[in-house]
C-alpha cells in the first residue's frame, strides 16, 4: 500500500464531491428557473434552460464516474475488496475529521439530489397539466366549429308522407 498517495487521492475524492455539490446547486437553480419559465409559454427561454440542464446533467455524470473510480482506487489502496464501492467502507480507515467532511458532503449531495428530483417532478406535473389544458381547449374549439353528427340543415330533412307514426303523436 502506498501511503503517500492516499492523502492526494482522498483530497481528489473530496474535491470531486465538492464539484458534485456545486453542480447540483446549479442544477437546482436552473430547475427553479425552469419552473418560473414554464407558465410563461416562452419556448425560446425554455429551450435555453433545457440545454443548460442537459449540460449540467452531463457534467454530473462525468463527476460521478470520476468519483466512483477514485473511490475504487482508494478501496484498493486500503485493501478493501468490494464489488460495489461505498463511501462508508473507507470511513474506518480515515481519521475522524476526514470521515466527517466526506460524510457531510455525501449528505449534502444526497439532499440536493432529492431536491432536484422533487423540483423536476413538480415541473413535469406543471408541463403535463399545461399540455392537458391545451388539448382540452383545442378539442373544445374544434367541437365548436364542427356541427353535431345528428344535425342536418332543415332543407335536408326527408318529408314523411306515409302518415305512419312511430308511437308518438305529432301535434302542431
N, C-alpha and C. Protein backbone atom coordinates (compact mmCIF):
# COMPACT_ATOMS: atom_id res chain seq x y z
N UNK A 1 0.85 -1.17 0.00
CA UNK A 1 0.00 0.00 0.00
C UNK A 1 0.90 1.24 0.00
N UNK A 2 0.61 2.19 -0.88
CA UNK A 2 1.38 3.41 -1.00
C UNK A 2 0.70 4.48 -0.14
N UNK A 3 1.27 4.72 1.04
CA UNK A 3 0.62 5.62 2.00
C UNK A 3 0.67 7.08 1.59
N UNK A 4 1.72 7.48 0.85
CA UNK A 4 1.80 8.89 0.48
C UNK A 4 0.82 9.26 -0.63
N UNK A 5 0.30 8.28 -1.35
CA UNK A 5 -0.66 8.54 -2.43
C UNK A 5 -2.09 8.68 -1.89
N UNK A 6 -2.37 8.06 -0.75
CA UNK A 6 -3.74 8.06 -0.21
C UNK A 6 -4.23 9.47 0.11
N UNK A 7 -3.46 10.33 0.78
CA UNK A 7 -3.98 11.68 1.05
C UNK A 7 -4.33 12.46 -0.23
N UNK A 8 -3.53 12.33 -1.28
CA UNK A 8 -3.86 13.05 -2.51
C UNK A 8 -5.10 12.46 -3.15
N UNK A 9 -5.26 11.14 -3.05
CA UNK A 9 -6.45 10.52 -3.60
C UNK A 9 -7.67 10.93 -2.78
N UNK A 10 -7.53 10.99 -1.46
CA UNK A 10 -8.64 11.44 -0.61
C UNK A 10 -8.98 12.91 -0.89
N UNK A 11 -7.94 13.72 -1.08
CA UNK A 11 -8.19 15.12 -1.42
C UNK A 11 -8.89 15.21 -2.78
N UNK A 12 -8.50 14.35 -3.70
CA UNK A 12 -9.16 14.32 -5.01
C UNK A 12 -10.62 13.90 -4.89
N UNK A 13 -10.88 12.91 -4.03
CA UNK A 13 -12.26 12.47 -3.80
C UNK A 13 -13.09 13.60 -3.20
N UNK A 14 -12.51 14.28 -2.22
CA UNK A 14 -13.22 15.39 -1.60
C UNK A 14 -13.48 16.50 -2.61
N UNK A 15 -12.50 16.81 -3.45
CA UNK A 15 -12.68 17.84 -4.48
C UNK A 15 -13.77 17.45 -5.48
N UNK A 16 -13.81 16.18 -5.86
CA UNK A 16 -14.85 15.71 -6.78
C UNK A 16 -16.23 15.84 -6.15
N UNK A 17 -16.32 15.52 -4.87
CA UNK A 17 -17.61 15.62 -4.19
C UNK A 17 -18.04 17.08 -4.03
N UNK A 18 -17.08 17.98 -3.81
CA UNK A 18 -17.39 19.41 -3.73
C UNK A 18 -17.89 19.90 -5.09
N UNK A 19 -17.24 19.45 -6.17
CA UNK A 19 -17.69 19.83 -7.52
C UNK A 19 -19.09 19.28 -7.79
N UNK A 20 -19.34 18.05 -7.35
CA UNK A 20 -20.69 17.48 -7.49
C UNK A 20 -21.71 18.33 -6.75
N UNK A 21 -21.37 18.72 -5.53
CA UNK A 21 -22.27 19.53 -4.71
C UNK A 21 -22.58 20.85 -5.40
N UNK A 22 -21.56 21.52 -5.90
CA UNK A 22 -21.77 22.82 -6.56
C UNK A 22 -22.55 22.67 -7.86
N UNK A 23 -22.28 21.61 -8.60
CA UNK A 23 -23.02 21.37 -9.84
C UNK A 23 -24.48 21.08 -9.53
N UNK A 24 -24.74 20.34 -8.47
CA UNK A 24 -26.12 20.08 -8.07
C UNK A 24 -26.82 21.36 -7.61
N UNK A 25 -26.09 22.25 -6.94
CA UNK A 25 -26.68 23.54 -6.57
C UNK A 25 -27.08 24.31 -7.83
N UNK A 26 -26.20 24.28 -8.84
CA UNK A 26 -26.52 24.95 -10.11
C UNK A 26 -27.73 24.30 -10.77
N UNK A 27 -27.81 22.98 -10.70
CA UNK A 27 -28.94 22.27 -11.30
C UNK A 27 -30.25 22.65 -10.60
N UNK A 28 -30.22 22.77 -9.30
CA UNK A 28 -31.42 23.17 -8.55
C UNK A 28 -31.83 24.59 -8.95
N UNK A 29 -30.85 25.49 -9.10
CA UNK A 29 -31.17 26.86 -9.51
C UNK A 29 -31.78 26.89 -10.92
N UNK A 30 -31.20 26.12 -11.83
CA UNK A 30 -31.71 26.08 -13.21
C UNK A 30 -33.10 25.47 -13.24
N UNK A 31 -33.34 24.46 -12.41
CA UNK A 31 -34.66 23.83 -12.36
C UNK A 31 -35.70 24.80 -11.80
N UNK A 32 -35.31 25.62 -10.83
CA UNK A 32 -36.23 26.65 -10.32
C UNK A 32 -36.51 27.70 -11.40
N UNK A 33 -35.49 28.04 -12.17
CA UNK A 33 -35.68 28.98 -13.27
C UNK A 33 -36.63 28.39 -14.31
N UNK A 34 -36.51 27.08 -14.54
CA UNK A 34 -37.42 26.39 -15.46
C UNK A 34 -38.86 26.48 -14.96
N UNK A 35 -39.05 26.35 -13.65
CA UNK A 35 -40.38 26.44 -13.05
C UNK A 35 -40.99 27.81 -13.29
N UNK A 36 -40.16 28.85 -13.25
CA UNK A 36 -40.67 30.21 -13.49
C UNK A 36 -41.01 30.43 -14.96
N UNK A 37 -40.29 29.79 -15.86
CA UNK A 37 -40.48 30.00 -17.30
C UNK A 37 -41.66 29.19 -17.83
N UNK A 38 -41.92 28.02 -17.28
CA UNK A 38 -42.98 27.15 -17.81
C UNK A 38 -44.33 27.84 -17.96
N UNK A 39 -44.85 28.53 -16.96
CA UNK A 39 -46.18 29.16 -17.13
C UNK A 39 -46.20 30.31 -18.14
N UNK A 40 -45.02 30.84 -18.49
CA UNK A 40 -44.96 31.98 -19.40
C UNK A 40 -45.08 31.56 -20.87
N UNK A 41 -44.98 30.26 -21.14
CA UNK A 41 -45.04 29.73 -22.51
C UNK A 41 -43.97 30.34 -23.41
N UNK A 42 -42.81 30.64 -22.86
CA UNK A 42 -41.69 31.19 -23.62
C UNK A 42 -40.79 30.04 -24.05
N UNK A 43 -41.03 29.52 -25.25
CA UNK A 43 -40.32 28.32 -25.69
C UNK A 43 -38.83 28.58 -25.90
N UNK A 44 -38.46 29.78 -26.35
CA UNK A 44 -37.04 30.06 -26.56
C UNK A 44 -36.28 30.04 -25.23
N UNK A 45 -36.83 30.68 -24.23
CA UNK A 45 -36.19 30.68 -22.90
C UNK A 45 -36.18 29.28 -22.32
N UNK A 46 -37.26 28.54 -22.54
CA UNK A 46 -37.33 27.17 -22.03
C UNK A 46 -36.28 26.28 -22.68
N UNK A 47 -36.07 26.46 -23.98
CA UNK A 47 -35.05 25.66 -24.67
C UNK A 47 -33.66 25.97 -24.14
N UNK A 48 -33.39 27.24 -23.85
CA UNK A 48 -32.09 27.61 -23.27
C UNK A 48 -31.88 26.94 -21.91
N UNK A 49 -32.93 26.94 -21.11
CA UNK A 49 -32.84 26.34 -19.78
C UNK A 49 -32.66 24.83 -19.90
N UNK A 50 -33.37 24.20 -20.83
CA UNK A 50 -33.24 22.75 -21.01
C UNK A 50 -31.83 22.40 -21.47
N UNK A 51 -31.26 23.19 -22.37
CA UNK A 51 -29.88 22.93 -22.80
C UNK A 51 -28.90 23.09 -21.64
N UNK A 52 -29.14 24.09 -20.81
CA UNK A 52 -28.29 24.30 -19.64
C UNK A 52 -28.40 23.11 -18.67
N UNK A 53 -29.63 22.61 -18.49
CA UNK A 53 -29.83 21.44 -17.61
C UNK A 53 -29.13 20.21 -18.18
N UNK A 54 -29.22 20.02 -19.49
CA UNK A 54 -28.56 18.87 -20.11
C UNK A 54 -27.05 18.93 -19.90
N UNK A 55 -26.47 20.13 -20.05
CA UNK A 55 -25.03 20.28 -19.84
C UNK A 55 -24.66 19.97 -18.39
N UNK A 56 -25.47 20.44 -17.45
CA UNK A 56 -25.20 20.16 -16.04
C UNK A 56 -25.34 18.67 -15.73
N UNK A 57 -26.33 18.02 -16.33
CA UNK A 57 -26.50 16.58 -16.10
C UNK A 57 -25.35 15.79 -16.70
N UNK A 58 -24.86 16.20 -17.86
CA UNK A 58 -23.68 15.55 -18.45
C UNK A 58 -22.47 15.72 -17.53
N UNK A 59 -22.29 16.93 -17.02
CA UNK A 59 -21.19 17.20 -16.11
C UNK A 59 -21.32 16.35 -14.84
N UNK A 60 -22.53 16.23 -14.32
CA UNK A 60 -22.75 15.39 -13.13
C UNK A 60 -22.41 13.94 -13.41
N UNK A 61 -22.76 13.45 -14.59
CA UNK A 61 -22.43 12.07 -14.95
C UNK A 61 -20.92 11.85 -14.98
N UNK A 62 -20.19 12.79 -15.55
CA UNK A 62 -18.73 12.68 -15.59
C UNK A 62 -18.13 12.74 -14.19
N UNK A 63 -18.64 13.64 -13.37
CA UNK A 63 -18.14 13.75 -11.99
C UNK A 63 -18.44 12.49 -11.19
N UNK A 64 -19.61 11.91 -11.40
CA UNK A 64 -19.97 10.69 -10.68
C UNK A 64 -19.07 9.53 -11.10
N UNK A 65 -18.78 9.42 -12.39
CA UNK A 65 -17.87 8.37 -12.86
C UNK A 65 -16.48 8.55 -12.26
N UNK A 66 -15.99 9.79 -12.24
CA UNK A 66 -14.67 10.06 -11.67
C UNK A 66 -14.65 9.77 -10.17
N UNK A 67 -15.75 10.11 -9.47
CA UNK A 67 -15.83 9.85 -8.03
C UNK A 67 -15.80 8.35 -7.76
N UNK A 68 -16.54 7.59 -8.54
CA UNK A 68 -16.55 6.13 -8.36
C UNK A 68 -15.18 5.53 -8.60
N UNK A 69 -14.50 6.00 -9.64
CA UNK A 69 -13.16 5.47 -9.93
C UNK A 69 -12.19 5.82 -8.81
N UNK A 70 -12.25 7.05 -8.34
CA UNK A 70 -11.37 7.47 -7.25
C UNK A 70 -11.66 6.68 -5.98
N UNK A 71 -12.92 6.48 -5.68
CA UNK A 71 -13.31 5.70 -4.50
C UNK A 71 -12.82 4.26 -4.63
N UNK A 72 -12.93 3.70 -5.83
CA UNK A 72 -12.46 2.33 -6.05
C UNK A 72 -10.94 2.25 -5.87
N UNK A 73 -10.22 3.26 -6.36
CA UNK A 73 -8.76 3.29 -6.19
C UNK A 73 -8.39 3.37 -4.71
N UNK A 74 -9.11 4.18 -3.95
CA UNK A 74 -8.85 4.30 -2.51
C UNK A 74 -9.12 2.96 -1.82
N UNK A 75 -10.21 2.30 -2.19
CA UNK A 75 -10.52 1.00 -1.59
C UNK A 75 -9.42 -0.01 -1.90
N UNK A 76 -8.92 0.00 -3.11
CA UNK A 76 -7.83 -0.93 -3.46
C UNK A 76 -6.58 -0.63 -2.65
N UNK A 77 -6.27 0.65 -2.44
CA UNK A 77 -5.08 1.01 -1.67
C UNK A 77 -5.22 0.60 -0.20
N UNK A 78 -6.44 0.61 0.32
CA UNK A 78 -6.67 0.17 1.69
C UNK A 78 -6.86 -1.34 1.78
N UNK A 79 -6.91 -2.02 0.65
CA UNK A 79 -7.09 -3.46 0.64
C UNK A 79 -8.52 -3.91 0.81
N UNK A 80 -9.46 -3.05 0.51
CA UNK A 80 -10.88 -3.38 0.63
C UNK A 80 -11.32 -4.02 -0.68
N UNK A 81 -11.89 -5.21 -0.57
CA UNK A 81 -12.35 -5.94 -1.76
C UNK A 81 -13.88 -5.96 -1.78
N UNK A 82 -14.48 -5.04 -2.50
CA UNK A 82 -15.94 -4.98 -2.65
C UNK A 82 -16.28 -4.80 -4.12
N UNK A 83 -17.36 -5.44 -4.53
CA UNK A 83 -17.84 -5.22 -5.90
C UNK A 83 -18.46 -3.84 -6.02
N UNK A 84 -19.26 -3.47 -5.05
CA UNK A 84 -19.93 -2.16 -5.05
C UNK A 84 -19.18 -1.22 -4.13
N UNK A 85 -18.57 -0.20 -4.71
CA UNK A 85 -17.84 0.77 -3.91
C UNK A 85 -18.81 1.62 -3.10
N UNK A 86 -18.45 1.81 -1.84
CA UNK A 86 -19.29 2.62 -0.96
C UNK A 86 -18.38 3.50 -0.11
N UNK A 87 -18.81 4.72 0.08
CA UNK A 87 -18.03 5.66 0.87
C UNK A 87 -17.90 5.18 2.32
N UNK A 88 -18.94 4.53 2.83
CA UNK A 88 -18.91 4.05 4.22
C UNK A 88 -17.82 3.01 4.45
N UNK A 89 -17.44 2.30 3.39
CA UNK A 89 -16.42 1.25 3.53
C UNK A 89 -15.05 1.81 3.89
N UNK A 90 -14.77 3.05 3.49
CA UNK A 90 -13.44 3.60 3.78
C UNK A 90 -13.41 4.42 5.07
N UNK A 91 -14.57 4.72 5.65
CA UNK A 91 -14.60 5.54 6.87
C UNK A 91 -13.76 4.96 8.01
N UNK A 92 -13.78 3.65 8.25
CA UNK A 92 -12.96 3.13 9.36
C UNK A 92 -11.45 3.35 9.16
N UNK A 93 -11.01 3.55 7.93
CA UNK A 93 -9.59 3.73 7.63
C UNK A 93 -9.17 5.20 7.68
N UNK A 94 -10.11 6.10 7.84
CA UNK A 94 -9.82 7.54 7.82
C UNK A 94 -9.83 8.09 9.23
N UNK A 95 -9.14 9.24 9.40
CA UNK A 95 -9.27 9.88 10.70
C UNK A 95 -10.64 10.56 10.78
N UNK A 96 -11.03 10.91 11.97
CA UNK A 96 -12.40 11.36 12.22
C UNK A 96 -12.76 12.61 11.42
N UNK A 97 -11.84 13.56 11.30
CA UNK A 97 -12.15 14.80 10.58
C UNK A 97 -12.38 14.54 9.09
N UNK A 98 -11.56 13.67 8.49
CA UNK A 98 -11.76 13.34 7.07
C UNK A 98 -13.09 12.62 6.86
N UNK A 99 -13.37 11.66 7.73
CA UNK A 99 -14.62 10.90 7.60
C UNK A 99 -15.83 11.82 7.78
N UNK A 100 -15.74 12.77 8.72
CA UNK A 100 -16.84 13.70 8.96
C UNK A 100 -17.07 14.60 7.75
N UNK A 101 -15.98 15.14 7.18
CA UNK A 101 -16.12 16.00 6.00
C UNK A 101 -16.75 15.25 4.83
N UNK A 102 -16.26 14.04 4.58
CA UNK A 102 -16.80 13.25 3.47
C UNK A 102 -18.26 12.86 3.73
N UNK A 103 -18.58 12.55 4.98
CA UNK A 103 -19.95 12.20 5.32
C UNK A 103 -20.89 13.39 5.12
N UNK A 104 -20.45 14.57 5.54
CA UNK A 104 -21.28 15.77 5.35
C UNK A 104 -21.46 16.10 3.87
N UNK A 105 -20.39 15.94 3.11
CA UNK A 105 -20.51 16.17 1.67
C UNK A 105 -21.49 15.19 1.04
N UNK A 106 -21.39 13.93 1.44
CA UNK A 106 -22.31 12.92 0.91
C UNK A 106 -23.75 13.26 1.26
N UNK A 107 -23.98 13.69 2.51
CA UNK A 107 -25.33 14.07 2.93
C UNK A 107 -25.84 15.28 2.14
N UNK A 108 -24.96 16.25 1.92
CA UNK A 108 -25.34 17.43 1.15
C UNK A 108 -25.68 17.08 -0.29
N UNK A 109 -24.87 16.21 -0.89
CA UNK A 109 -25.13 15.77 -2.26
C UNK A 109 -26.47 15.03 -2.32
N UNK A 110 -26.71 14.16 -1.36
CA UNK A 110 -27.98 13.41 -1.34
C UNK A 110 -29.18 14.34 -1.18
N UNK A 111 -29.04 15.35 -0.33
CA UNK A 111 -30.13 16.31 -0.14
C UNK A 111 -30.41 17.08 -1.42
N UNK A 112 -29.35 17.53 -2.09
CA UNK A 112 -29.54 18.28 -3.33
C UNK A 112 -30.12 17.40 -4.44
N UNK A 113 -29.72 16.14 -4.48
CA UNK A 113 -30.29 15.22 -5.47
C UNK A 113 -31.79 15.07 -5.24
N UNK A 114 -32.19 14.90 -3.99
CA UNK A 114 -33.61 14.77 -3.67
C UNK A 114 -34.37 16.06 -4.00
N UNK A 115 -33.77 17.20 -3.72
CA UNK A 115 -34.42 18.47 -4.02
C UNK A 115 -34.58 18.66 -5.53
N UNK A 116 -33.53 18.34 -6.29
CA UNK A 116 -33.61 18.46 -7.75
C UNK A 116 -34.65 17.51 -8.31
N UNK A 117 -34.72 16.30 -7.77
CA UNK A 117 -35.71 15.32 -8.23
C UNK A 117 -37.13 15.82 -7.96
N UNK A 118 -37.36 16.36 -6.76
CA UNK A 118 -38.69 16.88 -6.42
C UNK A 118 -39.08 18.05 -7.32
N UNK A 119 -38.14 18.94 -7.57
CA UNK A 119 -38.42 20.07 -8.46
C UNK A 119 -38.73 19.58 -9.87
N UNK A 120 -38.00 18.57 -10.33
CA UNK A 120 -38.27 18.03 -11.67
C UNK A 120 -39.64 17.39 -11.75
N UNK A 121 -40.04 16.67 -10.71
CA UNK A 121 -41.38 16.08 -10.69
C UNK A 121 -42.45 17.18 -10.73
N UNK A 122 -42.22 18.24 -9.99
CA UNK A 122 -43.16 19.36 -10.00
C UNK A 122 -43.23 20.02 -11.36
N UNK A 123 -42.07 20.23 -11.99
CA UNK A 123 -42.05 20.82 -13.32
C UNK A 123 -42.73 19.92 -14.34
N UNK A 124 -42.53 18.62 -14.20
CA UNK A 124 -43.17 17.67 -15.11
C UNK A 124 -44.69 17.73 -14.93
N UNK A 125 -45.16 17.80 -13.70
CA UNK A 125 -46.60 17.88 -13.45
C UNK A 125 -47.17 19.18 -14.01
N UNK A 126 -46.44 20.27 -13.85
CA UNK A 126 -46.89 21.56 -14.38
C UNK A 126 -46.96 21.51 -15.90
N UNK A 127 -45.93 20.98 -16.54
CA UNK A 127 -45.92 20.88 -18.00
C UNK A 127 -47.03 19.96 -18.50
N UNK A 128 -47.25 18.85 -17.81
CA UNK A 128 -48.30 17.91 -18.21
C UNK A 128 -49.68 18.55 -18.09
N UNK A 129 -49.91 19.27 -17.00
CA UNK A 129 -51.23 19.91 -16.84
C UNK A 129 -51.43 21.00 -17.89
N UNK A 130 -50.36 21.70 -18.25
CA UNK A 130 -50.48 22.72 -19.30
C UNK A 130 -50.79 22.09 -20.65
N UNK A 131 -50.15 20.97 -20.95
CA UNK A 131 -50.42 20.27 -22.21
C UNK A 131 -51.85 19.72 -22.21
N UNK A 132 -52.29 19.16 -21.08
CA UNK A 132 -53.67 18.67 -20.99
C UNK A 132 -54.67 19.81 -21.19
N UNK A 133 -54.39 20.97 -20.61
CA UNK A 133 -55.27 22.11 -20.79
C UNK A 133 -55.32 22.53 -22.25
N UNK A 134 -54.16 22.54 -22.92
CA UNK A 134 -54.13 22.90 -24.34
C UNK A 134 -54.92 21.91 -25.18
N UNK A 135 -54.79 20.62 -24.89
CA UNK A 135 -55.56 19.62 -25.63
C UNK A 135 -57.06 19.80 -25.40
N UNK A 136 -57.45 20.08 -24.18
CA UNK A 136 -58.88 20.29 -23.89
C UNK A 136 -59.40 21.54 -24.59
N UNK A 137 -58.60 22.61 -24.58
CA UNK A 137 -59.02 23.84 -25.26
C UNK A 137 -59.11 23.62 -26.77
N UNK A 138 -58.15 22.87 -27.31
CA UNK A 138 -58.17 22.57 -28.74
C UNK A 138 -59.41 21.75 -29.10
N UNK A 139 -59.71 20.75 -28.31
CA UNK A 139 -60.88 19.91 -28.57
C UNK A 139 -62.15 20.74 -28.48
N UNK A 140 -62.22 21.62 -27.49
CA UNK A 140 -63.39 22.48 -27.33
C UNK A 140 -63.58 23.36 -28.56
N UNK A 141 -62.49 23.96 -29.04
CA UNK A 141 -62.59 24.84 -30.21
C UNK A 141 -62.98 24.07 -31.47
N UNK A 142 -62.44 22.88 -31.63
CA UNK A 142 -62.80 22.06 -32.79
C UNK A 142 -64.25 21.65 -32.71
N UNK A 143 -64.70 21.26 -31.53
CA UNK A 143 -66.11 20.86 -31.36
C UNK A 143 -67.06 22.03 -31.62
N UNK A 144 -66.64 23.24 -31.32
CA UNK A 144 -67.48 24.40 -31.61
C UNK A 144 -67.62 24.63 -33.11
N UNK A 145 -66.55 24.36 -33.84
CA UNK A 145 -66.55 24.63 -35.28
C UNK A 145 -67.25 23.53 -36.08
N UNK A 146 -67.33 22.34 -35.54
CA UNK A 146 -67.94 21.23 -36.27
C UNK A 146 -69.37 21.03 -35.80
N UNK A 147 -70.29 20.80 -36.76
CA UNK A 147 -71.67 20.52 -36.36
C UNK A 147 -71.77 19.13 -35.74
N UNK A 148 -72.79 18.95 -34.95
CA UNK A 148 -73.00 17.63 -34.36
C UNK A 148 -73.33 16.64 -35.45
N UNK A 149 -73.04 15.38 -35.23
CA UNK A 149 -73.26 14.37 -36.27
C UNK A 149 -74.73 14.17 -36.58
N UNK A 150 -75.61 14.40 -35.63
CA UNK A 150 -77.04 14.19 -35.88
C UNK A 150 -77.71 15.44 -36.45
N UNK A 151 -77.01 16.50 -36.54
CA UNK A 151 -77.60 17.74 -37.03
C UNK A 151 -77.57 17.76 -38.56
N UNK A 152 -78.70 18.14 -39.16
CA UNK A 152 -78.79 18.36 -40.61
C UNK A 152 -79.58 19.65 -40.84
N UNK A 153 -79.17 20.42 -41.78
CA UNK A 153 -79.94 21.62 -42.07
C UNK A 153 -81.37 21.25 -42.45
N UNK A 154 -82.37 22.11 -42.19
CA UNK A 154 -83.78 21.78 -42.44
C UNK A 154 -84.08 21.40 -43.88
N UNK A 155 -83.35 21.87 -44.85
CA UNK A 155 -83.64 21.54 -46.24
C UNK A 155 -83.35 20.08 -46.56
N UNK A 156 -82.58 19.40 -45.73
CA UNK A 156 -82.21 18.01 -45.99
C UNK A 156 -83.05 17.01 -45.22
N UNK A 157 -84.00 17.45 -44.43
CA UNK A 157 -84.82 16.52 -43.67
C UNK A 157 -85.85 15.91 -44.62
N UNK A 158 -85.90 14.58 -44.70
CA UNK A 158 -86.86 13.95 -45.61
C UNK A 158 -88.28 14.14 -45.09
N UNK A 159 -89.17 14.34 -46.01
CA UNK A 159 -90.58 14.51 -45.64
C UNK A 159 -91.22 13.14 -45.52
N UNK A 160 -91.95 12.95 -44.47
CA UNK A 160 -92.63 11.67 -44.26
C UNK A 160 -94.10 11.84 -44.68
N UNK A 161 -94.44 11.32 -45.82
CA UNK A 161 -95.81 11.44 -46.33
C UNK A 161 -96.63 10.20 -46.06
N UNK A 162 -96.05 9.24 -45.45
CA UNK A 162 -96.75 7.98 -45.28
C UNK A 162 -97.80 8.05 -44.19
N UNK A 163 -97.71 8.98 -43.32
CA UNK A 163 -98.68 9.11 -42.26
C UNK A 163 -98.47 8.11 -41.15
N UNK A 164 -97.41 7.34 -41.22
CA UNK A 164 -97.12 6.38 -40.15
C UNK A 164 -96.61 7.12 -38.93
N UNK A 165 -96.93 6.58 -37.83
CA UNK A 165 -96.46 7.15 -36.59
C UNK A 165 -95.64 6.09 -35.87
N UNK A 166 -94.61 6.51 -35.24
CA UNK A 166 -93.76 5.56 -34.52
C UNK A 166 -94.15 5.52 -33.05
N UNK A 167 -95.38 5.60 -32.80
CA UNK A 167 -95.84 5.56 -31.42
C UNK A 167 -95.83 6.92 -30.76
N UNK A 168 -95.62 7.97 -31.55
CA UNK A 168 -95.58 9.31 -30.99
C UNK A 168 -96.59 10.15 -31.75
N UNK A 169 -97.45 10.83 -31.05
CA UNK A 169 -98.41 11.72 -31.70
C UNK A 169 -97.74 13.04 -32.01
N UNK A 170 -97.91 13.47 -33.23
CA UNK A 170 -97.34 14.75 -33.65
C UNK A 170 -98.45 15.78 -33.69
N UNK A 171 -98.31 16.82 -32.98
CA UNK A 171 -99.30 17.90 -32.99
C UNK A 171 -98.59 19.20 -33.31
N UNK A 172 -99.25 19.96 -34.06
CA UNK A 172 -98.67 21.24 -34.42
C UNK A 172 -99.34 22.36 -33.69
